[in-house]
Amino acid sequence: MNRIWISIATFFNVGRIPIAPGTWASMITAGIFYLLFPYIKIPITGILSLIFITILGIPAATAAEVHFRRKDPGECVIDEVAGQLLCLIFIPHSWPYYLSAFLIFRIFDILKPFPIRRAEKISRGFGIMLDDLIAGMYTLAIIRIFIWVKPMIF
């Protein structure tokens, strides 16, 4: 069973990529969602997918901490999948928006502005998942504000 949790936590070994595994996980998530978008009903299918990934991600991230013997191990990227998915669900299906969501999400995930850094300190898998979900919410807010303001500018 532990192998299954580690497979989920590493997003089926994407987290084992030696350079920037979180970036790869975010990029792959955006790509998969972009390709699947025409075949799924948004936003309910996306919301249900996000809930499912988050519910599985919490125990998987906890198992990853135990398995890799450190807090929030870099190999654990299921949190990036959830955070990236959160901001993609509610934006237009357009590659410039997806690219923007990817870049903004990575910036928030790396810089960890308040309260992301504080959320990261919550114990185990819940804290691992929560900080990226907040980064996803920040990203979504930025993009939705841009969408709202853009017609006023042009």
Protein backbone atom coordinates (compact mmCIF):
# COMPACT_ATOMS: atom_id res chain seq x y z
CA MET A 1 0.00 0.00 0.00
CA ASN A 2 2.88 2.36 0.75
CA ARG A 3 4.07 2.01 -2.85
CA ILE A 4 0.68 3.25 -4.08
CA TRP A 5 0.83 6.31 -1.78
CA ILE A 6 4.37 7.13 -2.94
CA SER A 7 3.31 6.73 -6.57
CA ILE A 8 0.47 9.20 -5.99
CA ALA A 9 2.69 11.59 -4.00
CA THR A 10 5.31 11.63 -6.76
CA PHE A 11 2.60 11.98 -9.44
CA PHE A 12 3.63 8.65 -10.89
CA ASN A 13 7.35 9.39 -10.61
CA VAL A 14 7.31 12.92 -12.06
CA GLY A 15 8.56 14.01 -8.62
CA ARG A 16 11.68 11.91 -9.14
CA ILE A 17 12.84 14.07 -12.06
CA PRO A 18 16.14 15.44 -10.68
CA ILE A 19 15.71 19.07 -11.78
CA ALA A 20 12.63 21.15 -10.83
CA PRO A 21 10.17 18.30 -10.17
CA GLY A 22 7.47 20.71 -8.96
CA THR A 23 7.75 22.73 -12.15
CA TRP A 24 7.47 19.57 -14.24
CA ALA A 25 4.42 18.43 -12.26
CA SER A 26 2.73 21.82 -12.77
CA MET A 27 3.56 21.85 -16.48
CA ILE A 28 2.32 18.32 -17.05
CA THR A 29 -0.87 19.08 -15.11
CA ALA A 30 -1.54 22.15 -17.26
CA GLY A 31 -0.86 20.16 -20.42
CA ILE A 32 -3.11 17.27 -19.46
CA PHE A 33 -5.92 19.59 -18.40
CA TYR A 34 -5.58 21.62 -21.60
CA LEU A 35 -5.85 18.47 -23.73
CA LEU A 36 -8.75 17.00 -21.72
CA PHE A 37 -10.71 20.25 -21.46
CA PRO A 38 -12.84 19.68 -24.59
CA TYR A 39 -13.94 16.27 -23.27
CA ILE A 40 -14.97 17.19 -19.73
CA LYS A 41 -17.75 19.30 -18.31
CA ILE A 42 -16.28 22.32 -16.59
CA PRO A 43 -16.29 23.32 -13.86
CA ILE A 44 -18.00 20.42 -12.04
CA THR A 45 -15.71 17.68 -13.40
CA GLY A 46 -12.67 19.84 -12.65
CA ILE A 47 -13.93 20.56 -9.13
CA LEU A 48 -14.59 16.87 -8.47
CA SER A 49 -11.13 16.01 -9.83
CA LEU A 50 -9.56 18.62 -7.56
CA ILE A 51 -11.42 17.27 -4.51
CA PHE A 52 -10.39 13.71 -5.39
CA ILE A 53 -6.73 14.66 -5.91
CA THR A 54 -6.68 16.66 -2.66
CA ILE A 55 -8.30 13.87 -0.63
CA LEU A 56 -5.79 11.35 -2.01
CA GLY A 57 -2.94 13.86 -1.80
CA ILE A 58 -3.14 14.41 1.96
CA PRO A 59 -2.35 10.81 3.00
CA ALA A 60 0.00 10.39 0.02
CA ALA A 61 2.00 13.48 1.06
CA THR A 62 2.07 12.23 4.65
CA ALA A 63 3.40 8.86 3.44
CA ALA A 64 6.01 10.69 1.34
CA GLU A 65 7.33 12.54 4.41
CA VAL A 66 7.75 9.23 6.20
CA HIS A 67 9.21 7.45 3.16
CA PHE A 68 11.71 10.20 2.23
CA ARG A 69 12.40 11.01 5.93
CA ARG A 70 12.02 14.78 5.65
CA LYS A 71 9.35 17.45 5.83
CA ASP A 72 7.73 18.36 2.50
CA PRO A 73 10.13 16.33 0.32
CA GLY A 74 10.77 17.69 -3.15
CA GLU A 75 9.76 14.36 -4.67
CA CYS A 76 6.22 14.90 -3.38
CA VAL A 77 4.55 16.88 -6.18
CA ILE A 78 0.89 15.90 -5.83
CA ASP A 79 0.44 19.27 -4.11
CA GLU A 80 1.60 21.06 -7.26
CA VAL A 81 -0.91 19.04 -9.26
CA ALA A 82 -3.75 20.14 -6.95
CA GLY A 83 -2.66 23.79 -6.79
CA GLN A 84 -2.16 24.07 -10.55
CA LEU A 85 -5.49 22.38 -11.23
CA LEU A 86 -7.30 24.76 -8.88
CA CYS A 87 -6.35 27.80 -10.92
CA LEU A 88 -7.00 26.12 -14.29
CA ILE A 89 -10.58 25.09 -13.55
CA PHE A 90 -11.98 28.62 -13.66
CA ILE A 91 -10.02 30.28 -16.46
CA PRO A 92 -10.69 30.34 -20.20
CA HIS A 93 -9.44 27.40 -22.27
CA SER A 94 -6.71 29.34 -24.04
CA TRP A 95 -3.00 28.62 -24.12
CA PRO A 96 -2.01 32.20 -23.09
CA TYR A 97 -4.16 31.89 -19.96
CA TYR A 98 -2.79 28.42 -19.21
CA LEU A 99 0.77 29.64 -19.68
CA SER A 100 0.06 32.63 -17.43
CA ALA A 101 -1.51 30.36 -14.80
CA PHE A 102 1.51 28.08 -14.92
CA LEU A 103 4.04 30.92 -14.54
CA ILE A 104 2.12 32.83 -11.84
CA PHE A 105 1.48 29.63 -9.87
CA ARG A 106 5.17 28.71 -9.93
CA ILE A 107 6.10 32.21 -8.72
CA PHE A 108 3.67 32.00 -5.78
CA ASP A 109 4.76 28.44 -5.00
CA ILE A 110 8.43 29.43 -4.93
CA LEU A 111 8.15 32.83 -3.18
CA LYS A 112 5.43 31.71 -0.74
CA PRO A 113 3.87 35.06 0.23
CA PHE A 114 1.63 35.25 3.31
CA PRO A 115 -0.10 32.99 4.32
CA ILE A 116 1.43 30.32 2.07
CA ARG A 117 4.61 29.96 4.14
CA ARG A 118 2.54 29.70 7.33
CA ALA A 119 0.27 27.03 5.79
CA GLU A 120 3.36 25.05 4.82
CA LYS A 121 4.18 24.69 8.52
CA ILE A 122 0.95 22.82 9.29
CA SER A 123 1.87 19.24 10.00
CA ARG A 124 2.09 16.44 7.53
CA GLY A 125 0.15 16.04 4.30
CA PHE A 126 -2.47 18.66 5.09
CA GLY A 127 0.15 21.42 5.27
CA ILE A 128 1.91 20.14 2.14
CA MET A 129 -1.34 20.28 0.17
CA LEU A 130 -2.68 23.51 1.69
CA ASP A 131 0.23 25.78 0.75
CA ASP A 132 -0.10 24.89 -2.94
CA LEU A 133 -3.87 25.21 -2.86
CA ILE A 134 -3.47 28.74 -1.51
CA ALA A 135 -0.91 29.48 -4.25
CA GLY A 136 -3.49 28.20 -6.74
CA MET A 137 -6.14 30.50 -5.26
CA TYR A 138 -3.78 33.49 -5.50
CA THR A 139 -3.04 32.60 -9.12
CA LEU A 140 -6.72 32.27 -9.94
CA ALA A 141 -7.45 35.64 -8.32
CA ILE A 142 -4.72 37.38 -10.35
CA ILE A 143 -5.94 35.91 -13.63
CA ARG A 144 -9.62 36.61 -12.90
CA ILE A 145 -8.76 40.23 -12.02
CA PHE A 146 -6.84 40.52 -15.29
CA ILE A 147 -9.83 39.11 -17.22
CA TRP A 148 -12.12 41.60 -15.49
CA VAL A 149 -9.82 44.60 -16.02
CA LYS A 150 -8.70 43.76 -19.57
CA PRO A 151 -11.96 44.85 -21.31
CA MET A 152 -11.74 48.19 -19.49
CA ILE A 153 -8.22 48.78 -20.83
CA PHE A 154 -8.87 47.93 -24.50
